[in-house]
N, C-alpha and C. Protein backbone atom coordinates (compact mmCIF):
# COMPACT_ATOMS: atom_id res chain seq x y z
N MET A 1 0.95 -1.20 0.07
CA MET A 1 0.06 0.18 0.06
C MET A 1 0.90 1.21 -0.14
N PRO A 2 1.05 1.89 -1.20
CA PRO A 2 1.86 2.98 -1.19
C PRO A 2 1.11 4.32 -0.43
N TYR A 3 2.21 4.98 0.10
CA TYR A 3 1.72 6.31 0.75
C TYR A 3 2.37 7.36 0.31
N VAL A 4 1.86 8.42 -0.30
CA VAL A 4 2.65 9.64 -0.85
C VAL A 4 2.02 10.74 -0.11
N ASN A 5 3.04 11.62 0.44
CA ASN A 5 2.67 12.95 1.15
C ASN A 5 3.12 13.96 0.23
N ILE A 6 2.21 14.76 -0.21
CA ILE A 6 2.71 16.02 -1.05
C ILE A 6 2.40 17.14 -0.20
N ARG A 7 3.59 17.99 -0.06
CA ARG A 7 3.39 19.16 0.57
C ARG A 7 3.61 20.39 -0.21
N ILE A 8 2.62 21.32 -0.23
CA ILE A 8 2.55 22.65 -1.08
C ILE A 8 2.46 23.73 -0.27
N THR A 9 2.86 24.85 -0.63
CA THR A 9 2.53 26.01 0.04
C THR A 9 1.25 26.45 -0.17
N LYS A 10 0.47 26.97 0.68
CA LYS A 10 -1.09 27.42 0.64
C LYS A 10 -1.18 28.51 0.02
N GLU A 11 -1.35 28.56 -1.58
CA GLU A 11 -1.54 29.58 -2.47
C GLU A 11 -2.47 29.32 -3.58
N ASN A 12 -3.56 29.04 -2.98
CA ASN A 12 -4.72 29.04 -3.90
C ASN A 12 -4.59 27.68 -4.82
N ALA A 13 -4.22 26.66 -4.48
CA ALA A 13 -4.28 25.50 -5.24
C ALA A 13 -5.81 25.05 -5.36
N THR A 14 -6.40 24.86 -6.52
CA THR A 14 -7.92 24.75 -6.55
C THR A 14 -8.15 23.17 -6.37
N SER A 15 -9.28 22.92 -6.05
CA SER A 15 -9.86 21.35 -5.74
C SER A 15 -9.53 20.76 -6.98
N ASP A 16 -9.62 21.17 -8.19
CA ASP A 16 -9.42 20.51 -9.25
C ASP A 16 -8.00 20.28 -9.62
N GLN A 17 -7.20 21.24 -9.31
CA GLN A 17 -5.63 20.95 -9.31
C GLN A 17 -5.27 19.89 -8.40
N LYS A 18 -5.78 19.88 -7.12
CA LYS A 18 -5.33 18.75 -6.21
C LYS A 18 -5.76 17.54 -6.55
N ALA A 19 -6.93 17.43 -7.16
CA ALA A 19 -7.46 16.14 -7.68
C ALA A 19 -6.75 15.64 -8.80
N LEU A 20 -6.29 16.41 -9.71
CA LEU A 20 -5.29 16.01 -10.52
C LEU A 20 -4.07 15.59 -10.05
N LEU A 21 -3.40 16.17 -9.14
CA LEU A 21 -2.23 15.69 -8.48
C LEU A 21 -2.41 14.27 -7.84
N ILE A 22 -3.51 14.01 -7.25
CA ILE A 22 -3.81 12.76 -6.65
C ILE A 22 -3.92 11.68 -7.79
N LYS A 23 -4.76 12.00 -8.67
CA LYS A 23 -4.96 11.03 -9.84
C LYS A 23 -3.61 10.77 -10.53
N GLY A 24 -2.65 11.90 -10.74
CA GLY A 24 -1.45 11.73 -11.61
C GLY A 24 -0.57 10.85 -10.51
N VAL A 25 -0.35 11.16 -9.46
CA VAL A 25 0.54 10.28 -8.59
C VAL A 25 0.04 8.95 -8.60
N THR A 26 -1.23 8.75 -8.35
CA THR A 26 -1.51 7.32 -8.31
C THR A 26 -1.53 6.50 -9.70
N ASN A 27 -1.66 7.24 -10.73
CA ASN A 27 -1.35 6.52 -12.08
C ASN A 27 0.16 6.29 -12.20
N LEU A 28 0.94 7.30 -11.80
CA LEU A 28 2.38 7.01 -12.01
C LEU A 28 2.76 6.00 -11.10
N LEU A 29 2.48 5.86 -9.94
CA LEU A 29 2.95 4.48 -9.22
C LEU A 29 2.44 3.20 -9.76
N GLN A 30 1.16 3.23 -10.51
CA GLN A 30 0.59 2.17 -11.07
C GLN A 30 1.47 1.82 -12.41
N GLU A 31 1.85 2.79 -13.05
CA GLU A 31 2.51 2.63 -14.56
C GLU A 31 3.93 2.08 -14.24
N VAL A 32 4.73 2.93 -13.22
CA VAL A 32 6.13 2.50 -13.00
C VAL A 32 6.28 1.41 -12.08
N LEU A 33 5.45 1.20 -10.96
CA LEU A 33 5.82 0.31 -10.10
C LEU A 33 4.92 -0.87 -9.92
N GLY A 34 3.78 -0.78 -10.80
CA GLY A 34 2.75 -1.86 -10.78
C GLY A 34 1.94 -1.87 -9.62
N LYS A 35 1.72 -0.68 -8.85
CA LYS A 35 1.07 -0.56 -7.57
C LYS A 35 -0.47 -0.61 -7.87
N ASN A 36 -1.29 -1.13 -6.89
CA ASN A 36 -2.63 -1.10 -7.25
C ASN A 36 -3.33 0.34 -6.78
N PRO A 37 -3.94 1.02 -7.72
CA PRO A 37 -4.56 2.25 -7.51
C PRO A 37 -5.45 2.37 -6.28
N GLN A 38 -6.26 1.05 -5.96
CA GLN A 38 -7.03 1.03 -5.01
C GLN A 38 -6.65 1.02 -3.65
N THR A 39 -5.33 0.79 -3.63
CA THR A 39 -4.65 0.69 -2.32
C THR A 39 -3.75 1.94 -2.08
N THR A 40 -3.53 2.86 -3.05
CA THR A 40 -2.68 3.90 -3.08
C THR A 40 -3.20 5.19 -2.28
N VAL A 41 -2.51 5.67 -1.38
CA VAL A 41 -2.96 6.68 -0.45
C VAL A 41 -2.14 8.02 -0.97
N VAL A 42 -2.76 9.14 -1.06
CA VAL A 42 -2.14 10.28 -1.45
C VAL A 42 -2.71 11.35 -0.61
N VAL A 43 -1.93 12.04 0.13
CA VAL A 43 -2.34 13.14 0.90
C VAL A 43 -1.57 14.34 0.66
N ILE A 44 -2.49 15.49 0.62
CA ILE A 44 -1.90 16.80 0.25
C ILE A 44 -2.05 17.66 1.52
N ASP A 45 -0.86 18.12 1.94
CA ASP A 45 -0.67 18.98 3.03
C ASP A 45 -0.48 20.45 2.46
N GLU A 46 -1.10 21.47 2.80
CA GLU A 46 -0.93 22.69 2.35
C GLU A 46 -0.30 23.52 3.59
N VAL A 47 0.87 24.21 3.40
CA VAL A 47 1.50 24.74 4.49
C VAL A 47 1.53 26.44 4.11
N GLU A 48 1.07 27.09 5.37
CA GLU A 48 1.06 28.64 5.13
C GLU A 48 2.50 29.05 4.68
N THR A 49 2.55 30.03 3.84
CA THR A 49 3.87 30.49 3.23
C THR A 49 4.82 30.91 4.41
N GLU A 50 4.22 31.44 5.45
CA GLU A 50 5.03 32.00 6.74
C GLU A 50 5.70 30.78 7.41
N ASN A 51 5.19 29.60 7.17
CA ASN A 51 5.66 28.44 7.87
C ASN A 51 6.72 27.47 6.94
N TRP A 52 7.00 28.11 5.79
CA TRP A 52 7.80 27.42 4.86
C TRP A 52 8.86 28.41 4.53
N GLY A 53 10.30 27.72 4.71
CA GLY A 53 11.44 28.52 4.62
C GLY A 53 12.23 28.17 3.46
N ILE A 54 13.02 29.03 2.82
CA ILE A 54 14.04 28.63 1.76
C ILE A 54 15.17 29.62 1.95
N GLY A 55 16.27 29.22 2.02
CA GLY A 55 17.32 30.06 1.95
C GLY A 55 17.45 30.89 3.08
N GLY A 56 16.83 30.42 4.49
CA GLY A 56 16.82 31.26 5.48
C GLY A 56 15.71 32.32 5.58
N GLU A 57 14.63 32.32 4.85
CA GLU A 57 13.80 33.22 4.88
C GLU A 57 12.50 32.51 4.52
N THR A 58 11.41 33.19 4.87
CA THR A 58 10.08 32.58 4.61
C THR A 58 9.68 32.87 3.12
N VAL A 59 8.68 31.87 2.70
CA VAL A 59 8.22 32.15 1.41
C VAL A 59 7.44 33.45 1.18
N THR A 60 6.79 33.84 2.04
CA THR A 60 6.00 34.98 2.22
C THR A 60 6.90 36.20 1.98
N GLU A 61 8.17 36.23 2.58
CA GLU A 61 9.05 37.41 2.17
C GLU A 61 9.53 37.20 0.68
N ARG A 62 9.76 36.04 0.32
CA ARG A 62 10.45 35.66 -1.19
C ARG A 62 9.32 36.24 -1.97
N ARG A 63 7.83 35.92 -1.95
CA ARG A 63 6.93 36.19 -2.61
C ARG A 63 6.92 37.75 -2.72
N LYS A 64 6.99 38.41 -1.74
CA LYS A 64 6.88 39.97 -1.76
C LYS A 64 7.97 40.54 -2.66
N ARG A 65 9.05 39.83 -2.97
CA ARG A 65 10.06 40.31 -3.83
C ARG A 65 9.85 39.70 -5.16
N GLY A 66 8.76 38.96 -5.43
CA GLY A 66 8.59 38.44 -6.71
C GLY A 66 9.18 37.16 -7.05
N GLU A 67 9.65 36.39 -6.20
CA GLU A 67 10.42 35.23 -6.25
C GLU A 67 9.60 34.10 -6.18
C-alpha cells in the first residue's frame, strides 16, 4: 500500500488541481511500479507561506520580492 505525502505552500491550489495531483501520482505509481491504485494513498498538506522557509527566509518574504 503506497503512501505519498505532497506538501505545497497554501497559495490557492484549486480542488481540481489537487484532484489532478492525486490522480497523476496514483497513475504514476501504477505505471512505474505496478502498484494497485485501489490501495494507493495520496495526502496533500498545504503549508502557510510564513511556515515554509527557503534559504533562511520565509516564502512570504520571497513572494513579496516576486520570487
